Amino acid sequence: MRLKHIKGAEDKVYNSVHCINLENIEKGSLRSAFPTPSNPLNIEIGTGKGQFIMELARHNPDINFLGIERYSSVLLRACQKMDEMEVPLPNLKFICCDAEVLPDYLNEGDVDCIFLNFSDPWPKDRHAKRRLTSSRFLARYDKFLKKGGEIRFKTDNKDLFDFSVEEFKSNNWELTAITYDLHNDEALCSGNIMTEYEERFSSEGVKINMLIARR
């Protein structure tokens, strides 16, 4: 799907009160951008228009949530949704950046849980290292995910899911849950919050794959 560019989106996102501008943050001090920096921190990489992480933040006020999205034209919509709220969520912030830079702004053990939802599958073999569940990215997450912390990964792409399962195993992560049909898995589907993509795919009868991996 071709990404629609919105003129002026980058400036609007960087100037939004809901976004953290990394130029104003000292390395290793990202948690300080939240009103209660001592709260646990969960992040979603590839947050899109924000539906998933907004619901998580709404239901978990004692946890800080950080949505990472590299495309400003997409993240702008998430910021607009926050603006439309009568009371914006104080425990939710966004960053427009590539996930590769996160270890520069987070310290060891800063993050309790990482959510990866419907990530770009990068289907060509030569692009495998760009997948957010590749060994290259798992090594980056290891720099800031706390001991015993989790990665929760959902996708409709079975090839990407199979690749991801093997990557977690080969990098010595513990797979605590795996399903190839999330919406028919009573235990894992309990409390499941759907993303925009998940709603669309599931309405079309597409099975959703999910795993939980622990460090």
Protein backbone atom coordinates (compact mmCIF):
# COMPACT_ATOMS: atom_id res chain seq x y z
CA MET A 1 0.00 0.00 0.00
CA ARG A 2 1.40 3.37 -1.03
CA LEU A 3 1.86 5.81 1.83
CA LYS A 4 -0.02 9.08 1.34
CA HIS A 5 2.21 12.05 2.11
CA ILE A 6 0.59 14.89 4.04
CA LYS A 7 2.15 18.27 3.45
CA GLY A 8 3.48 19.80 6.66
CA ALA A 9 3.02 16.58 8.66
CA GLU A 10 6.60 16.49 9.91
CA ASP A 11 6.45 19.99 11.44
CA LYS A 12 3.03 19.33 12.98
CA VAL A 13 4.22 16.09 14.56
CA TYR A 14 7.45 17.54 15.93
CA ASN A 15 5.56 20.48 17.42
CA SER A 16 2.80 18.37 18.94
CA VAL A 17 2.58 18.29 22.74
CA HIS A 18 1.95 14.55 22.44
CA CYS A 19 5.30 13.89 20.74
CA ILE A 20 8.78 13.71 22.15
CA ASN A 21 11.33 15.55 20.05
CA LEU A 22 14.55 13.60 20.39
CA GLU A 23 16.54 16.76 19.74
CA ASN A 24 15.37 17.98 23.16
CA ILE A 25 16.11 14.75 25.01
CA GLU A 26 19.48 13.82 26.46
CA LYS A 27 20.62 10.35 25.58
CA GLY A 28 19.41 7.79 28.11
CA SER A 29 16.76 10.08 29.60
CA LEU A 30 13.66 9.32 27.55
CA ARG A 31 11.65 8.16 30.56
CA SER A 32 11.89 11.67 32.02
CA ALA A 33 9.51 12.93 29.31
CA PHE A 34 6.57 11.38 31.18
CA PRO A 35 4.79 13.05 34.12
CA THR A 36 5.48 9.95 36.24
CA PRO A 37 8.80 8.60 34.96
CA SER A 38 8.96 5.91 37.68
CA ASN A 39 5.99 4.03 36.17
CA PRO A 40 6.68 0.91 34.08
CA LEU A 41 7.26 1.67 30.40
CA ASN A 42 5.78 -0.27 27.46
CA ILE A 43 6.51 0.63 23.84
CA GLU A 44 4.92 -0.16 20.51
CA ILE A 45 7.19 -0.06 17.47
CA GLY A 46 5.22 0.80 14.36
CA THR A 47 2.31 2.42 16.17
CA GLY A 48 0.53 3.59 13.01
CA LYS A 49 -2.50 5.77 13.73
CA GLY A 50 -2.40 4.87 17.40
CA GLN A 51 -5.59 2.87 17.97
CA PHE A 52 -3.90 -0.04 19.77
CA ILE A 53 -1.62 1.91 22.09
CA MET A 54 -4.29 4.47 22.95
CA GLU A 55 -6.58 1.71 24.18
CA LEU A 56 -3.73 0.18 26.20
CA ALA A 57 -2.93 3.53 27.79
CA ARG A 58 -6.59 4.18 28.57
CA HIS A 59 -6.97 0.84 30.37
CA ASN A 60 -3.60 1.02 32.17
CA PRO A 61 -3.16 4.51 33.68
CA ASP A 62 -0.30 3.37 35.93
CA ILE A 63 1.86 2.32 32.97
CA ASN A 64 3.65 4.71 30.59
CA PHE A 65 3.28 3.98 26.89
CA LEU A 66 5.47 5.12 24.03
CA GLY A 67 4.39 4.79 20.40
CA ILE A 68 7.17 4.71 17.82
CA GLU A 69 6.32 5.50 14.19
CA ARG A 70 8.80 6.42 11.46
CA TYR A 71 6.29 8.05 9.09
CA SER A 72 5.11 11.51 10.14
CA SER A 73 2.09 11.43 7.82
CA VAL A 74 0.85 8.35 9.71
CA LEU A 75 1.75 9.54 13.20
CA LEU A 76 0.00 12.86 12.57
CA ARG A 77 -3.35 11.08 12.74
CA ALA A 78 -2.49 9.63 16.16
CA CYS A 79 -1.63 13.11 17.41
CA GLN A 80 -4.90 14.44 16.03
CA LYS A 81 -6.82 11.71 17.86
CA MET A 82 -5.18 12.80 21.11
CA ASP A 83 -6.11 16.43 20.37
CA GLU A 84 -9.72 15.36 19.88
CA MET A 85 -9.90 13.83 23.36
CA GLU A 86 -11.55 15.87 26.09
CA VAL A 87 -8.67 14.86 28.36
CA PRO A 88 -5.56 13.57 26.49
CA LEU A 89 -3.84 10.52 27.97
CA PRO A 90 -0.96 11.73 30.20
CA ASN A 91 0.71 8.32 30.17
CA LEU A 92 1.07 8.17 26.37
CA LYS A 93 3.72 9.82 24.21
CA PHE A 94 4.78 9.39 20.60
CA ILE A 95 8.11 9.60 18.78
CA CYS A 96 8.63 9.92 15.05
CA CYS A 97 11.85 7.99 14.47
CA ASP A 98 13.37 4.76 13.27
CA ALA A 99 13.52 1.96 15.86
CA GLU A 100 17.27 1.67 15.31
CA VAL A 101 17.95 4.81 17.38
CA LEU A 102 16.04 3.69 20.49
CA PRO A 103 19.06 2.22 22.32
CA ASP A 104 20.58 5.71 22.31
CA TYR A 105 17.70 7.13 24.37
CA LEU A 106 16.77 4.23 26.63
CA ASN A 107 18.85 2.69 29.39
CA GLU A 108 19.30 -0.97 30.23
CA GLY A 109 16.11 -2.32 31.80
CA ASP A 110 13.99 0.75 30.99
CA VAL A 111 11.29 -1.13 29.09
CA ASP A 112 8.97 -3.83 30.46
CA CYS A 113 7.22 -4.86 27.24
CA ILE A 114 7.59 -4.27 23.48
CA PHE A 115 4.62 -4.59 21.14
CA LEU A 116 5.20 -5.36 17.47
CA ASN A 117 1.94 -5.30 15.54
CA PHE A 118 1.65 -6.10 11.83
CA SER A 119 5.18 -5.01 11.04
CA ASP A 120 6.41 -4.62 7.47
CA PRO A 121 7.25 -8.20 6.37
CA TRP A 122 10.08 -7.15 4.02
CA PRO A 123 9.42 -10.31 1.97
CA LYS A 124 12.64 -10.39 -0.07
CA ASP A 125 15.43 -12.45 1.50
CA ARG A 126 17.99 -9.69 0.99
CA HIS A 127 15.88 -7.42 3.20
CA ALA A 128 15.52 -9.91 6.07
CA LYS A 129 17.69 -7.84 8.43
CA ARG A 130 15.14 -4.99 8.17
CA ARG A 131 12.40 -7.09 9.75
CA LEU A 132 11.64 -5.94 13.27
CA THR A 133 11.97 -9.51 14.55
CA SER A 134 15.35 -10.15 12.90
CA SER A 135 18.43 -10.96 14.97
CA ARG A 136 19.69 -7.45 14.26
CA PHE A 137 16.70 -5.84 15.96
CA LEU A 138 16.46 -8.41 18.75
CA ALA A 139 19.99 -7.41 19.74
CA ARG A 140 18.88 -3.77 19.92
CA TYR A 141 15.85 -4.58 22.08
CA ASP A 142 18.11 -6.50 24.42
CA LYS A 143 19.86 -3.23 25.27
CA PHE A 144 16.81 -1.70 26.95
CA LEU A 145 14.30 -4.51 27.66
CA LYS A 146 14.44 -5.53 31.31
CA LYS A 147 15.38 -9.03 32.35
CA GLY A 148 12.21 -11.11 32.12
CA GLY A 149 10.59 -8.50 29.86
CA GLU A 150 8.40 -9.53 26.96
CA ILE A 151 7.96 -8.96 23.25
CA ARG A 152 4.39 -9.45 22.00
CA PHE A 153 4.22 -9.88 18.24
CA LYS A 154 1.14 -10.09 16.00
CA THR A 155 0.98 -10.48 12.22
CA ASP A 156 -1.25 -11.80 9.47
CA ASN A 157 1.84 -12.85 7.46
CA LYS A 158 2.60 -16.53 8.14
CA ASP A 159 6.00 -16.42 6.40
CA LEU A 160 7.08 -13.53 8.61
CA PHE A 161 5.70 -15.32 11.66
CA ASP A 162 7.61 -18.53 10.91
CA PHE A 163 10.77 -16.48 10.33
CA SER A 164 10.22 -14.68 13.64
CA VAL A 165 9.72 -17.88 15.63
CA GLU A 166 13.07 -19.18 14.37
CA GLU A 167 14.83 -15.87 15.06
CA PHE A 168 13.63 -15.83 18.67
CA LYS A 169 14.68 -19.44 19.17
CA SER A 170 18.11 -19.00 17.61
CA ASN A 171 18.77 -15.94 19.78
CA ASN A 172 17.88 -17.76 23.01
CA TRP A 173 14.56 -16.07 23.75
CA GLU A 174 11.93 -18.10 25.61
CA LEU A 175 8.71 -18.47 23.62
CA THR A 176 5.98 -18.54 26.25
CA ALA A 177 3.03 -18.53 23.82
CA ILE A 178 2.47 -19.19 20.12
CA THR A 179 -0.76 -19.29 18.12
CA TYR A 180 -1.53 -19.32 14.42
CA ASP A 181 -5.16 -18.36 15.03
CA LEU A 182 -5.35 -15.75 17.77
CA HIS A 183 -9.07 -15.07 17.57
CA ASN A 184 -9.86 -18.74 18.16
CA ASP A 185 -7.39 -19.05 21.04
CA GLU A 186 -9.49 -18.36 24.13
CA ALA A 187 -6.57 -17.77 26.48
CA LEU A 188 -4.52 -15.44 24.30
CA CYS A 189 -7.53 -13.61 22.89
CA SER A 190 -8.78 -12.70 26.35
CA GLY A 191 -8.32 -8.94 26.68
CA ASN A 192 -6.86 -8.67 23.18
CA ILE A 193 -6.89 -5.13 21.77
CA MET A 194 -7.08 -4.99 18.01
CA THR A 195 -5.18 -2.65 15.72
CA GLU A 196 -6.74 -1.07 12.63
CA TYR A 197 -5.09 -3.74 10.45
CA GLU A 198 -6.24 -6.54 12.73
CA GLU A 199 -9.85 -5.40 12.55
CA ARG A 200 -9.72 -5.32 8.77
CA PHE A 201 -7.93 -8.63 8.30
CA SER A 202 -10.06 -10.53 10.80
CA SER A 203 -13.26 -9.21 9.20
CA GLU A 204 -12.00 -10.75 5.94
CA GLY A 205 -11.42 -14.12 7.62
CA VAL A 206 -7.63 -13.82 7.72
CA LYS A 207 -6.05 -15.70 10.64
CA ILE A 208 -3.89 -13.68 13.02
CA ASN A 209 -0.62 -15.12 14.32
CA MET A 210 0.73 -14.14 17.74
CA LEU A 211 3.67 -15.00 19.95
CA ILE A 212 5.00 -13.87 23.28
CA ALA A 213 8.76 -14.05 23.80
CA ARG A 214 10.58 -13.47 27.10
CA ARG A 215 14.17 -12.42 27.64
